[in-house]
Amino acid sequence: MAEKSFHVEVVAADDRLYSGEATFVIAQTTSGELGVMANHEPLLGQLVPGGFVVVVEEGGNRRSLAVQGGFLSVTGESVTILAESAQWSDGIDAAAERAAMEAAEPGTDEYNRAHSRLAAVEHAAK
């Protein structure tokens, strides 16, 4: 039996990154990691700085983004991610981000950005 899909929009302050159908979304919010499937109860969540979002597309392709804050809006029919900034994991150099994270002070913007990018790379491979 095919999984039900729903519409997903991912928008950063400067770019529309994704618009399509998905069967599952994972997001890191200030309340914890959240998984969303079709017909999920409506909710509004705040994304953590230095977090990630995973989108499992209708065909099974798994994509992940490094996300720097923003909001997640869930209705029964759609998920909208409004990020302050976001970047797809396939454009991230994991070795460079590890080095940046080691050089940065925990909790700083630089540290959070590098942590976010590494998490996105790791979650794309799962």
PDB file of N, CA and C in Angstrom:
ATOM      1  N   MET A   1       0.840  -1.179   0.000  1.00  0.00           N
ATOM      2  CA  MET A   1       0.000   0.000   0.000  1.00  0.00           C
ATOM      3  C   MET A   1       0.887   1.245   0.000  1.00  0.00           C
ATOM      4  N   ALA A   2       0.617   2.166  -0.873  1.00  0.00           N
ATOM      5  CA  ALA A   2       1.404   3.399  -0.988  1.00  0.00           C
ATOM      6  C   ALA A   2       1.111   4.322   0.187  1.00  0.00           C
ATOM      7  N   GLU A   3       2.169   5.005   0.642  1.00  0.00           N
ATOM      8  CA  GLU A   3       1.996   5.963   1.726  1.00  0.00           C
ATOM      9  C   GLU A   3       1.295   7.204   1.199  1.00  0.00           C
ATOM     10  N   LYS A   4       0.481   7.818   2.058  1.00  0.00           N
ATOM     11  CA  LYS A   4      -0.187   9.054   1.675  1.00  0.00           C
ATOM     12  C   LYS A   4       0.831  10.179   1.609  1.00  0.00           C
ATOM     13  N   SER A   5       0.635  11.057   0.662  1.00  0.00           N
ATOM     14  CA  SER A   5       1.539  12.194   0.529  1.00  0.00           C
ATOM     15  C   SER A   5       0.811  13.489   0.891  1.00  0.00           C
ATOM     16  N   PHE A   6       1.600  14.532   1.075  1.00  0.00           N
ATOM     17  CA  PHE A   6       1.081  15.854   1.382  1.00  0.00           C
ATOM     18  C   PHE A   6       2.024  16.876   0.766  1.00  0.00           C
ATOM     19  N   HIS A   7       1.560  18.101   0.659  1.00  0.00           N
ATOM     20  CA  HIS A   7       2.347  19.143   0.023  1.00  0.00           C
ATOM     21  C   HIS A   7       3.332  19.758   1.016  1.00  0.00           C
ATOM     22  N   VAL A   8       4.565  19.991   0.554  1.00  0.00           N
ATOM     23  CA  VAL A   8       5.602  20.601   1.384  1.00  0.00           C
ATOM     24  C   VAL A   8       6.182  21.802   0.649  1.00  0.00           C
ATOM     25  N   GLU A   9       6.321  22.894   1.381  1.00  0.00           N
ATOM     26  CA  GLU A   9       6.983  24.108   0.888  1.00  0.00           C
ATOM     27  C   GLU A   9       8.127  24.419   1.838  1.00  0.00           C
ATOM     28  N   VAL A  10       9.305  24.693   1.281  1.00  0.00           N
ATOM     29  CA  VAL A  10      10.439  25.140   2.078  1.00  0.00           C
ATOM     30  C   VAL A  10      10.880  26.475   1.504  1.00  0.00           C
ATOM     31  N   VAL A  11      10.799  27.507   2.345  1.00  0.00           N
ATOM     32  CA  VAL A  11      11.129  28.857   1.917  1.00  0.00           C
ATOM     33  C   VAL A  11      12.127  29.451   2.900  1.00  0.00           C
ATOM     34  N   ALA A  12      13.229  29.983   2.368  1.00  0.00           N
ATOM     35  CA  ALA A  12      14.181  30.728   3.191  1.00  0.00           C
ATOM     36  C   ALA A  12      13.948  32.206   2.914  1.00  0.00           C
ATOM     37  N   ALA A  13      14.570  33.041   3.708  1.00  0.00           N
ATOM     38  CA  ALA A  13      14.368  34.480   3.558  1.00  0.00           C
ATOM     39  C   ALA A  13      14.689  34.973   2.152  1.00  0.00           C
ATOM     40  N   ASP A  14      15.637  34.332   1.486  1.00  0.00           N
ATOM     41  CA  ASP A  14      16.072  34.799   0.179  1.00  0.00           C
ATOM     42  C   ASP A  14      15.762  33.851  -0.980  1.00  0.00           C
ATOM     43  N   ASP A  15      15.068  32.727  -0.722  1.00  0.00           N
ATOM     44  CA  ASP A  15      14.885  31.744  -1.790  1.00  0.00           C
ATOM     45  C   ASP A  15      13.761  30.764  -1.472  1.00  0.00           C
ATOM     46  N   ARG A  16      13.067  30.315  -2.510  1.00  0.00           N
ATOM     47  CA  ARG A  16      12.098  29.225  -2.383  1.00  0.00           C
ATOM     48  C   ARG A  16      12.855  27.954  -2.748  1.00  0.00           C
ATOM     49  N   LEU A  17      13.087  27.085  -1.767  1.00  0.00           N
ATOM     50  CA  LEU A  17      13.955  25.935  -1.947  1.00  0.00           C
ATOM     51  C   LEU A  17      13.240  24.660  -2.384  1.00  0.00           C
ATOM     52  N   TYR A  18      11.970  24.533  -2.037  1.00  0.00           N
ATOM     53  CA  TYR A  18      11.282  23.280  -2.364  1.00  0.00           C
ATOM     54  C   TYR A  18       9.783  23.497  -2.407  1.00  0.00           C
ATOM     55  N   SER A  19       9.168  22.849  -3.351  1.00  0.00           N
ATOM     56  CA  SER A  19       7.721  22.796  -3.438  1.00  0.00           C
ATOM     57  C   SER A  19       7.383  21.467  -4.092  1.00  0.00           C
ATOM     58  N   GLY A  20       6.770  20.563  -3.339  1.00  0.00           N
ATOM     59  CA  GLY A  20       6.462  19.256  -3.900  1.00  0.00           C
ATOM     60  C   GLY A  20       5.712  18.380  -2.916  1.00  0.00           C
ATOM     61  N   GLU A  21       5.555  17.119  -3.297  1.00  0.00           N
ATOM     62  CA  GLU A  21       4.823  16.153  -2.487  1.00  0.00           C
ATOM     63  C   GLU A  21       5.796  15.286  -1.703  1.00  0.00           C
ATOM     64  N   ALA A  22       5.456  15.018  -0.444  1.00  0.00           N
ATOM     65  CA  ALA A  22       6.296  14.205   0.428  1.00  0.00           C
ATOM     66  C   ALA A  22       5.428  13.254   1.233  1.00  0.00           C
ATOM     67  N   THR A  23       6.067  12.206   1.762  1.00  0.00           N
ATOM     68  CA  THR A  23       5.360  11.259   2.625  1.00  0.00           C
ATOM     69  C   THR A  23       5.775  11.405   4.089  1.00  0.00           C
ATOM     70  N   PHE A  24       6.891  12.116   4.324  1.00  0.00           N
ATOM     71  CA  PHE A  24       7.389  12.274   5.688  1.00  0.00           C
ATOM     72  C   PHE A  24       8.305  13.485   5.759  1.00  0.00           C
ATOM     73  N   VAL A  25       8.217  14.230   6.855  1.00  0.00           N
ATOM     74  CA  VAL A  25       9.106  15.367   7.117  1.00  0.00           C
ATOM     75  C   VAL A  25       9.589  15.241   8.555  1.00  0.00           C
ATOM     76  N   ILE A  26      10.877  15.472   8.756  1.00  0.00           N
ATOM     77  CA  ILE A  26      11.457  15.516  10.098  1.00  0.00           C
ATOM     78  C   ILE A  26      12.022  16.920  10.288  1.00  0.00           C
ATOM     79  N   ALA A  27      11.769  17.517  11.431  1.00  0.00           N
ATOM     80  CA  ALA A  27      12.297  18.860  11.716  1.00  0.00           C
ATOM     81  C   ALA A  27      12.724  18.943  13.174  1.00  0.00           C
ATOM     82  N   GLN A  28      13.791  19.692  13.421  1.00  0.00           N
ATOM     83  CA  GLN A  28      14.226  19.970  14.786  1.00  0.00           C
ATOM     84  C   GLN A  28      13.581  21.265  15.237  1.00  0.00           C
ATOM     85  N   THR A  29      12.751  21.168  16.267  1.00  0.00           N
ATOM     86  CA  THR A  29      12.095  22.350  16.808  1.00  0.00           C
ATOM     87  C   THR A  29      12.584  22.599  18.228  1.00  0.00           C
ATOM     88  N   THR A  30      12.224  23.728  18.779  1.00  0.00           N
ATOM     89  CA  THR A  30      12.614  24.047  20.148  1.00  0.00           C
ATOM     90  C   THR A  30      11.961  23.097  21.153  1.00  0.00           C
ATOM     91  N   SER A  31      10.937  22.362  20.723  1.00  0.00           N
ATOM     92  CA  SER A  31      10.284  21.369  21.588  1.00  0.00           C
ATOM     93  C   SER A  31      10.830  19.964  21.376  1.00  0.00           C
ATOM     94  N   GLY A  32      11.769  19.804  20.433  1.00  0.00           N
ATOM     95  CA  GLY A  32      12.343  18.492  20.139  1.00  0.00           C
ATOM     96  C   GLY A  32      12.208  18.144  18.671  1.00  0.00           C
ATOM     97  N   GLU A  33      12.733  16.978  18.302  1.00  0.00           N
ATOM     98  CA  GLU A  33      12.654  16.515  16.923  1.00  0.00           C
ATOM     99  C   GLU A  33      11.234  16.031  16.642  1.00  0.00           C
ATOM    100  N   LEU A  34      10.706  16.414  15.498  1.00  0.00           N
ATOM    101  CA  LEU A  34       9.315  16.169  15.175  1.00  0.00           C
ATOM    102  C   LEU A  34       9.198  15.481  13.819  1.00  0.00           C
ATOM    103  N   GLY A  35       8.419  14.414  13.752  1.00  0.00           N
ATOM    104  CA  GLY A  35       8.137  13.739  12.488  1.00  0.00           C
ATOM    105  C   GLY A  35       6.705  14.018  12.075  1.00  0.00           C
ATOM    106  N   VAL A  36       6.512  14.307  10.791  1.00  0.00           N
ATOM    107  CA  VAL A  36       5.183  14.654  10.289  1.00  0.00           C
ATOM    108  C   VAL A  36       4.827  13.742   9.120  1.00  0.00           C
ATOM    109  N   MET A  37       3.642  13.151   9.189  1.00  0.00           N
ATOM    110  CA  MET A  37       3.097  12.350   8.089  1.00  0.00           C
ATOM    111  C   MET A  37       1.773  12.988   7.657  1.00  0.00           C
ATOM    112  N   ALA A  38       1.179  12.435   6.615  1.00  0.00           N
ATOM    113  CA  ALA A  38      -0.096  12.958   6.108  1.00  0.00           C
ATOM    114  C   ALA A  38      -1.146  12.971   7.221  1.00  0.00           C
ATOM    115  N   ASN A  39      -1.995  13.967   7.207  1.00  0.00           N
ATOM    116  CA  ASN A  39      -3.098  14.134   8.150  1.00  0.00           C
ATOM    117  C   ASN A  39      -2.640  14.390   9.582  1.00  0.00           C
ATOM    118  N   HIS A  40      -1.449  14.924   9.738  1.00  0.00           N
ATOM    119  CA  HIS A  40      -0.944  15.270  11.077  1.00  0.00           C
ATOM    120  C   HIS A  40      -1.801  16.387  11.663  1.00  0.00           C
ATOM    121  N   GLU A  41      -1.943  16.389  12.968  1.00  0.00           N
ATOM    122  CA  GLU A  41      -2.669  17.456  13.644  1.00  0.00           C
ATOM    123  C   GLU A  41      -1.994  18.793  13.350  1.00  0.00           C
ATOM    124  N   PRO A  42      -2.751  19.857  13.167  1.00  0.00           N
ATOM    125  CA  PRO A  42      -2.155  21.173  12.933  1.00  0.00           C
ATOM    126  C   PRO A  42      -1.270  21.607  14.093  1.00  0.00           C
ATOM    127  N   LEU A  43      -0.164  22.250  13.755  1.00  0.00           N
ATOM    128  CA  LEU A  43       0.725  22.785  14.784  1.00  0.00           C
ATOM    129  C   LEU A  43       1.637  23.838  14.185  1.00  0.00           C
ATOM    130  N   LEU A  44       2.202  24.638  15.061  1.00  0.00           N
ATOM    131  CA  LEU A  44       3.188  25.638  14.682  1.00  0.00           C
ATOM    132  C   LEU A  44       4.382  25.422  15.587  1.00  0.00           C
ATOM    133  N   GLY A  45       5.568  25.268  15.001  1.00  0.00           N
ATOM    134  CA  GLY A  45       6.768  25.035  15.788  1.00  0.00           C
ATOM    135  C   GLY A  45       7.872  25.993  15.399  1.00  0.00           C
ATOM    136  N   GLN A  46       8.731  26.285  16.348  1.00  0.00           N
ATOM    137  CA  GLN A  46       9.889  27.134  16.086  1.00  0.00           C
ATOM    138  C   GLN A  46      11.082  26.230  15.811  1.00  0.00           C
ATOM    139  N   LEU A  47      11.761  26.457  14.664  1.00  0.00           N
ATOM    140  CA  LEU A  47      12.933  25.670  14.307  1.00  0.00           C
ATOM    141  C   LEU A  47      14.139  26.147  15.112  1.00  0.00           C
ATOM    142  N   VAL A  48      14.995  25.204  15.494  1.00  0.00           N
ATOM    143  CA  VAL A  48      16.181  25.577  16.269  1.00  0.00           C
ATOM    144  C   VAL A  48      17.255  26.142  15.350  1.00  0.00           C
ATOM    145  N   PRO A  49      18.040  27.098  15.846  1.00  0.00           N
ATOM    146  CA  PRO A  49      19.211  27.518  15.089  1.00  0.00           C
ATOM    147  C   PRO A  49      20.205  26.354  15.102  1.00  0.00           C
ATOM    148  N   GLY A  50      20.803  26.067  13.990  1.00  0.00           N
ATOM    149  CA  GLY A  50      21.735  24.945  13.923  1.00  0.00           C
ATOM    150  C   GLY A  50      21.034  23.613  13.777  1.00  0.00           C
ATOM    151  N   GLY A  51      19.831  23.624  13.227  1.00  0.00           N
ATOM    152  CA  GLY A  51      19.055  22.402  13.073  1.00  0.00           C
ATOM    153  C   GLY A  51      19.032  21.892  11.649  1.00  0.00           C
ATOM    154  N   PHE A  52      18.181  20.912  11.428  1.00  0.00           N
ATOM    155  CA  PHE A  52      18.034  20.325  10.095  1.00  0.00           C
ATOM    156  C   PHE A  52      16.570  19.986   9.845  1.00  0.00           C
ATOM    157  N   VAL A  53      16.250  19.810   8.570  1.00  0.00           N
ATOM    158  CA  VAL A  53      14.936  19.345   8.143  1.00  0.00           C
ATOM    159  C   VAL A  53      15.170  18.262   7.101  1.00  0.00           C
ATOM    160  N   VAL A  54      14.437  17.166   7.199  1.00  0.00           N
ATOM    161  CA  VAL A  54      14.506  16.077   6.220  1.00  0.00           C
ATOM    162  C   VAL A  54      13.152  15.997   5.526  1.00  0.00           C
ATOM    163  N   VAL A  55      13.190  15.892   4.198  1.00  0.00           N
ATOM    164  CA  VAL A  55      11.982  15.717   3.400  1.00  0.00           C
ATOM    165  C   VAL A  55      12.108  14.388   2.658  1.00  0.00           C
ATOM    166  N   VAL A  56      11.170  13.466   2.911  1.00  0.00           N
ATOM    167  CA  VAL A  56      11.123  12.207   2.166  1.00  0.00           C
ATOM    168  C   VAL A  56      10.070  12.391   1.088  1.00  0.00           C
ATOM    169  N   GLU A  57      10.549  12.494  -0.146  1.00  0.00           N
ATOM    170  CA  GLU A  57       9.657  12.781  -1.262  1.00  0.00           C
ATOM    171  C   GLU A  57       8.754  11.597  -1.582  1.00  0.00           C
ATOM    172  N   GLU A  58       7.716  11.872  -2.314  1.00  0.00           N
ATOM    173  CA  GLU A  58       6.711  10.880  -2.665  1.00  0.00           C
ATOM    174  C   GLU A  58       7.325   9.626  -3.287  1.00  0.00           C
ATOM    175  N   GLY A  59       8.351   9.767  -4.089  1.00  0.00           N
ATOM    176  CA  GLY A  59       9.001   8.617  -4.721  1.00  0.00           C
ATOM    177  C   GLY A  59       9.999   7.902  -3.830  1.00  0.00           C
ATOM    178  N   GLY A  60      10.192   8.373  -2.578  1.00  0.00           N
ATOM    179  CA  GLY A  60      11.100   7.733  -1.651  1.00  0.00           C
ATOM    180  C   GLY A  60      12.456   8.416  -1.528  1.00  0.00           C
ATOM    181  N   ASN A  61      12.744   9.401  -2.394  1.00  0.00           N
ATOM    182  CA  ASN A  61      13.998  10.133  -2.321  1.00  0.00           C
ATOM    183  C   ASN A  61      14.059  10.928  -1.015  1.00  0.00           C
ATOM    184  N   ARG A  62      15.172  10.800  -0.302  1.00  0.00           N
ATOM    185  CA  ARG A  62      15.350  11.487   0.988  1.00  0.00           C
ATOM    186  C   ARG A  62      16.296  12.660   0.795  1.00  0.00           C
ATOM    187  N   ARG A  63      15.832  13.870   1.146  1.00  0.00           N
ATOM    188  CA  ARG A  63      16.642  15.086   1.018  1.00  0.00           C
ATOM    189  C   ARG A  63      16.680  15.796   2.352  1.00  0.00           C
ATOM    190  N   SER A  64      17.807  16.422   2.658  1.00  0.00           N
ATOM    191  CA  SER A  64      17.892  17.137   3.930  1.00  0.00           C
ATOM    192  C   SER A  64      18.489  18.523   3.731  1.00  0.00           C
ATOM    193  N   LEU A  65      18.097  19.392   4.648  1.00  0.00           N
ATOM    194  CA  LEU A  65      18.544  20.787   4.633  1.00  0.00           C
ATOM    195  C   LEU A  65      19.130  21.173   5.981  1.00  0.00           C
ATOM    196  N   ALA A  66      20.163  21.980   5.941  1.00  0.00           N
ATOM    197  CA  ALA A  66      20.651  22.652   7.139  1.00  0.00           C
ATOM    198  C   ALA A  66      19.787  23.895   7.295  1.00  0.00           C
ATOM    199  N   VAL A  67      19.259  24.111   8.491  1.00  0.00           N
ATOM    200  CA  VAL A  67      18.324  25.209   8.716  1.00  0.00           C
ATOM    201  C   VAL A  67      18.789  26.061   9.897  1.00  0.00           C
ATOM    202  N   GLN A  68      18.743  27.368   9.697  1.00  0.00           N
ATOM    203  CA  GLN A  68      19.124  28.306  10.753  1.00  0.00           C
ATOM    204  C   GLN A  68      17.884  29.055  11.237  1.00  0.00           C
ATOM    205  N   GLY A  69      17.159  28.454  12.152  1.00  0.00           N
ATOM    206  CA  GLY A  69      15.988  29.102  12.733  1.00  0.00           C
ATOM    207  C   GLY A  69      14.833  29.257  11.766  1.00  0.00           C
ATOM    208  N   GLY A  70      13.718  29.720  12.289  1.00  0.00           N
ATOM    209  CA  GLY A  70      12.514  29.908  11.494  1.00  0.00           C
ATOM    210  C   GLY A  70      11.343  29.178  12.123  1.00  0.00           C
ATOM    211  N   PHE A  71      10.356  28.846  11.290  1.00  0.00           N
ATOM    212  CA  PHE A  71       9.137  28.223  11.791  1.00  0.00           C
ATOM    213  C   PHE A  71       8.680  27.087  10.897  1.00  0.00           C
ATOM    214  N   LEU A  72       7.938  26.171  11.488  1.00  0.00           N
ATOM    215  CA  LEU A  72       7.321  25.043  10.816  1.00  0.00           C
ATOM    216  C   LEU A  72       5.827  25.152  11.044  1.00  0.00           C
ATOM    217  N   SER A  73       5.055  25.135   9.975  1.00  0.00           N
ATOM    218  CA  SER A  73       3.603  25.192  10.077  1.00  0.00           C
ATOM    219  C   SER A  73       3.028  23.910   9.473  1.00  0.00           C
ATOM    220  N   VAL A  74       2.221  23.203  10.249  1.00  0.00           N
ATOM    221  CA  VAL A  74       1.636  21.944   9.798  1.00  0.00           C
ATOM    222  C   VAL A  74       0.124  22.076   9.810  1.00  0.00           C
ATOM    223  N   THR A  75      -0.497  21.725   8.682  1.00  0.00           N
ATOM    224  CA  THR A  75      -1.953  21.591   8.622  1.00  0.00           C
ATOM    225  C   THR A  75      -2.224  20.128   8.269  1.00  0.00           C
ATOM    226  N   GLY A  76      -3.441  19.736   8.180  1.00  0.00           N
ATOM    227  CA  GLY A  76      -3.761  18.357   7.806  1.00  0.00           C
ATOM    228  C   GLY A  76      -3.331  18.008   6.399  1.00  0.00           C
ATOM    229  N   GLU A  77      -3.146  19.018   5.536  1.00  0.00           N
ATOM    230  CA  GLU A  77      -2.851  18.777   4.129  1.00  0.00           C
ATOM    231  C   GLU A  77      -1.468  19.225   3.685  1.00  0.00           C
ATOM    232  N   SER A  78      -0.748  19.995   4.524  1.00  0.00           N
ATOM    233  CA  SER A  78       0.533  20.532   4.055  1.00  0.00           C
ATOM    234  C   SER A  78       1.469  20.873   5.207  1.00  0.00           C
ATOM    235  N   VAL A  79       2.750  21.014   4.845  1.00  0.00           N
ATOM    236  CA  VAL A  79       3.782  21.474   5.776  1.00  0.00           C
ATOM    237  C   VAL A  79       4.501  22.623   5.098  1.00  0.00           C
ATOM    238  N   THR A  80       4.658  23.714   5.822  1.00  0.00           N
ATOM    239  CA  THR A  80       5.409  24.860   5.321  1.00  0.00           C
ATOM    240  C   THR A  80       6.551  25.134   6.285  1.00  0.00           C
ATOM    241  N   ILE A  81       7.749  25.219   5.733  1.00  0.00           N
ATOM    242  CA  ILE A  81       8.929  25.537   6.523  1.00  0.00           C
ATOM    243  C   ILE A  81       9.401  26.908   6.087  1.00  0.00           C
ATOM    244  N   LEU A  82       9.388  27.844   7.033  1.00  0.00           N
ATOM    245  CA  LEU A  82       9.834  29.210   6.787  1.00  0.00           C
ATOM    246  C   LEU A  82      11.140  29.395   7.562  1.00  0.00           C
ATOM    247  N   ALA A  83      12.257  29.260   6.866  1.00  0.00           N
ATOM    248  CA  ALA A  83      13.562  29.302   7.525  1.00  0.00           C
ATOM    249  C   ALA A  83      14.213  30.665   7.366  1.00  0.00           C
ATOM    250  N   GLU A  84      14.967  31.062   8.387  1.00  0.00           N
ATOM    251  CA  GLU A  84      15.762  32.282   8.252  1.00  0.00           C
ATOM    252  C   GLU A  84      16.790  32.092   7.148  1.00  0.00           C
ATOM    253  N   SER A  85      17.449  30.929   7.138  1.00  0.00           N
ATOM    254  CA  SER A  85      18.322  30.527   6.031  1.00  0.00           C
ATOM    255  C   SER A  85      18.340  29.008   6.001  1.00  0.00           C
ATOM    256  N   ALA A  86      18.604  28.458   4.816  1.00  0.00           N
ATOM    257  CA  ALA A  86      18.629  27.008   4.644  1.00  0.00           C
ATOM    258  C   ALA A  86      19.515  26.652   3.467  1.00  0.00           C
ATOM    259  N   GLN A  87      20.085  25.439   3.524  1.00  0.00           N
ATOM    260  CA  GLN A  87      20.960  24.965   2.459  1.00  0.00           C
ATOM    261  C   GLN A  87      20.788  23.456   2.316  1.00  0.00           C
ATOM    262  N   TRP A  88      20.653  22.977   1.082  1.00  0.00           N
ATOM    263  CA  TRP A  88      20.562  21.541   0.820  1.00  0.00           C
ATOM    264  C   TRP A  88      21.877  20.864   1.183  1.00  0.00           C
ATOM    265  N   SER A  89      21.799  19.658   1.714  1.00  0.00           N
ATOM    266  CA  SER A  89      22.988  18.926   2.168  1.00  0.00           C
ATOM    267  C   SER A  89      23.928  18.547   1.035  1.00  0.00           C
ATOM    268  N   ASP A  90      23.397  18.380  -0.170  1.00  0.00           N
ATOM    269  CA  ASP A  90      24.262  17.953  -1.284  1.00  0.00           C
ATOM    270  C   ASP A  90      25.254  19.030  -1.717  1.00  0.00           C
ATOM    271  N   GLY A  91      25.127  20.246  -1.213  1.00  0.00           N
ATOM    272  CA  GLY A  91      26.072  21.309  -1.517  1.00  0.00           C
ATOM    273  C   GLY A  91      27.012  21.618  -0.359  1.00  0.00           C
ATOM    274  N   ILE A  92      27.084  20.703   0.607  1.00  0.00           N
ATOM    275  CA  ILE A  92      27.871  20.952   1.826  1.00  0.00           C
ATOM    276  C   ILE A  92      29.121  20.080   1.844  1.00  0.00           C
ATOM    277  N   ASP A  93      30.259  20.679   2.180  1.00  0.00           N
ATOM    278  CA  ASP A  93      31.533  19.981   2.358  1.00  0.00           C
ATOM    279  C   ASP A  93      31.649  19.608   3.836  1.00  0.00           C
ATOM    280  N   ALA A  94      31.404  18.340   4.154  1.00  0.00           N
ATOM    281  CA  ALA A  94      31.372  17.893   5.549  1.00  0.00           C
ATOM    282  C   ALA A  94      32.705  18.114   6.261  1.00  0.00           C
ATOM    283  N   ALA A  95      33.820  17.876   5.593  1.00  0.00           N
ATOM    284  CA  ALA A  95      35.132  18.056   6.229  1.00  0.00           C
ATOM    285  C   ALA A  95      35.352  19.522   6.609  1.00  0.00           C
ATOM    286  N   ALA A  96      34.984  20.433   5.736  1.00  0.00           N
ATOM    287  CA  ALA A  96      35.137  21.863   6.027  1.00  0.00           C
ATOM    288  C   ALA A  96      34.240  22.280   7.183  1.00  0.00           C
ATOM    289  N   GLU A  97      33.038  21.717   7.259  1.00  0.00           N
ATOM    290  CA  GLU A  97      32.116  22.060   8.344  1.00  0.00           C
ATOM    291  C   GLU A  97      32.588  21.488   9.677  1.00  0.00           C
ATOM    292  N   ARG A  98      33.204  20.285   9.668  1.00  0.00           N
ATOM    293  CA  ARG A  98      33.771  19.727  10.894  1.00  0.00           C
ATOM    294  C   ARG A  98      34.869  20.646  11.426  1.00  0.00           C
ATOM    295  N   ALA A  99      35.729  21.100  10.517  1.00  0.00           N
ATOM    296  CA  ALA A  99      36.815  22.004  10.910  1.00  0.00           C
ATOM    297  C   ALA A  99      36.262  23.316  11.456  1.00  0.00           C
ATOM    298  N   ALA A 100      35.245  23.856  10.806  1.00  0.00           N
ATOM    299  CA  ALA A 100      34.637  25.108  11.256  1.00  0.00           C
ATOM    300  C   ALA A 100      33.999  24.940  12.634  1.00  0.00           C
ATOM    301  N   MET A 101      33.373  23.804  12.868  1.00  0.00           N
ATOM    302  CA  MET A 101      32.732  23.555  14.147  1.00  0.00           C
ATOM    303  C   MET A 101      33.776  23.415  15.261  1.00  0.00           C
ATOM    304  N   GLU A 102      34.880  22.740  14.973  1.00  0.00           N
ATOM    305  CA  GLU A 102      35.946  22.572  15.963  1.00  0.00           C
ATOM    306  C   GLU A 102      36.608  23.914  16.304  1.00  0.00           C
ATOM    307  N   ALA A 103      36.675  24.814  15.336  1.00  0.00           N
ATOM    308  CA  ALA A 103      37.319  26.117  15.547  1.00  0.00           C
ATOM    309  C   ALA A 103      36.400  27.121  16.239  1.00  0.00           C
ATOM    310  N   ALA A 104      35.115  26.883  16.205  1.00  0.00           N
ATOM    311  CA  ALA A 104      34.148  27.847  16.753  1.00  0.00           C
ATOM    312  C   ALA A 104      33.811  27.542  18.211  1.00  0.00           C
ATOM    313  N   GLU A 105      33.380  28.551  18.894  1.00  0.00           N
ATOM    314  CA  GLU A 105      32.938  28.428  20.285  1.00  0.00           C
ATOM    315  C   GLU A 105      31.503  27.880  20.292  1.00  0.00           C
ATOM    316  N   PRO A 106      31.222  26.808  21.072  1.00  0.00           N
ATOM    317  CA  PRO A 106      29.854  26.276  21.129  1.00  0.00           C
ATOM    318  C   PRO A 106      28.837  27.374  21.453  1.00  0.00           C
ATOM    319  N   GLY A 107      27.722  27.343  20.731  1.00  0.00           N
ATOM    320  CA  GLY A 107      26.652  28.310  20.934  1.00  0.00           C
ATOM    321  C   GLY A 107      26.720  29.531  20.039  1.00  0.00           C
ATOM    322  N   THR A 108      27.865  29.749  19.378  1.00  0.00           N
ATOM    323  CA  THR A 108      27.979  30.903  18.488  1.00  0.00           C
ATOM    324  C   THR A 108      27.278  30.609  17.160  1.00  0.00           C
ATOM    325  N   ASP A 109      27.029  31.652  16.393  1.00  0.00           N
ATOM    326  CA  ASP A 109      26.401  31.478  15.080  1.00  0.00           C
ATOM    327  C   ASP A 109      27.243  30.567  14.183  1.00  0.00           C
ATOM    328  N   GLU A 110      28.563  30.736  14.225  1.00  0.00           N
ATOM    329  CA  GLU A 110      29.455  29.922  13.392  1.00  0.00           C
ATOM    330  C   GLU A 110      29.351  28.449  13.772  1.00  0.00           C
ATOM    331  N   TYR A 111      29.338  28.186  15.060  1.00  0.00           N
ATOM    332  CA  TYR A 111      29.224  26.810  15.551  1.00  0.00           C
ATOM    333  C   TYR A 111      27.875  26.211  15.137  1.00  0.00           C
ATOM    334  N   ASN A 112      26.785  26.952  15.367  1.00  0.00           N
ATOM    335  CA  ASN A 112      25.449  26.464  15.027  1.00  0.00           C
ATOM    336  C   ASN A 112      25.310  26.192  13.536  1.00  0.00           C
ATOM    337  N   ARG A 113      25.854  27.074  12.715  1.00  0.00           N
ATOM    338  CA  ARG A 113      25.779  26.904  11.267  1.00  0.00           C
ATOM    339  C   ARG A 113      26.517  25.634  10.836  1.00  0.00           C
ATOM    340  N   ALA A 114      27.735  25.432  11.350  1.00  0.00           N
ATOM    341  CA  ALA A 114      28.513  24.240  11.001  1.00  0.00           C
ATOM    342  C   ALA A 114      27.825  22.973  11.513  1.00  0.00           C
ATOM    343  N   HIS A 115      27.301  23.035  12.741  1.00  0.00           N
ATOM    344  CA  HIS A 115      26.590  21.888  13.317  1.00  0.00           C
ATOM    345  C   HIS A 115      25.377  21.526  12.462  1.00  0.00           C
ATOM    346  N   SER A 116      24.637  22.518  12.040  1.00  0.00           N
ATOM    347  CA  SER A 116      23.460  22.325  11.207  1.00  0.00           C
ATOM    348  C   SER A 116      23.814  21.651   9.890  1.00  0.00           C
ATOM    349  N   ARG A 117      24.860  22.133   9.271  1.00  0.00           N
ATOM    350  CA  ARG A 117      25.277  21.574   7.980  1.00  0.00           C
ATOM    351  C   ARG A 117      25.731  20.127   8.123  1.00  0.00           C
ATOM    352  N   LEU A 118      26.486  19.820   9.179  1.00  0.00           N
ATOM    353  CA  LEU A 118      26.910  18.435   9.404  1.00  0.00           C
ATOM    354  C   LEU A 118      25.713  17.524   9.666  1.00  0.00           C
ATOM    355  N   ALA A 119      24.773  17.990  10.456  1.00  0.00           N
ATOM    356  CA  ALA A 119      23.569  17.190  10.742  1.00  0.00           C
ATOM    357  C   ALA A 119      22.781  16.918   9.470  1.00  0.00           C
ATOM    358  N   ALA A 120      22.682  17.916   8.598  1.00  0.00           N
ATOM    359  CA  ALA A 120      21.957  17.726   7.334  1.00  0.00           C
ATOM    360  C   ALA A 120      22.633  16.673   6.471  1.00  0.00           C
ATOM    361  N   VAL A 121      23.964  16.713   6.402  1.00  0.00           N
ATOM    362  CA  VAL A 121      24.703  15.712   5.615  1.00  0.00           C
ATOM    363  C   VAL A 121      24.471  14.317   6.193  1.00  0.00           C
ATOM    364  N   GLU A 122      24.560  14.191   7.506  1.00  0.00           N
ATOM    365  CA  GLU A 122      24.374  12.894   8.154  1.00  0.00           C
ATOM    366  C   GLU A 122      22.964  12.346   7.958  1.00  0.00           C
ATOM    367  N   HIS A 123      21.961  13.212   8.010  1.00  0.00           N
ATOM    368  CA  HIS A 123      20.572  12.738   7.873  1.00  0.00           C
ATOM    369  C   HIS A 123      20.186  12.458   6.419  1.00  0.00           C
ATOM    370  N   ALA A 124      20.919  12.997   5.481  1.00  0.00           N
ATOM    371  CA  ALA A 124      20.650  12.684   4.075  1.00  0.00           C
ATOM    372  C   ALA A 124      21.069  11.250   3.769  1.00  0.00           C
ATOM    373  N   ALA A 125      22.085  10.778   4.480  1.00  0.00           N
ATOM    374  CA  ALA A 125      22.641   9.443   4.215  1.00  0.00           C
ATOM    375  C   ALA A 125      21.858   8.312   4.875  1.00  0.00           C
ATOM    376  N   LYS A 126      20.945   8.610   5.773  1.00  0.00           N
ATOM    377  CA  LYS A 126      20.203   7.559   6.495  1.00  0.00           C
ATOM    378  C   LYS A 126      19.197   6.880   5.623  1.00  0.00           C
TER     379      LYS A 126
END
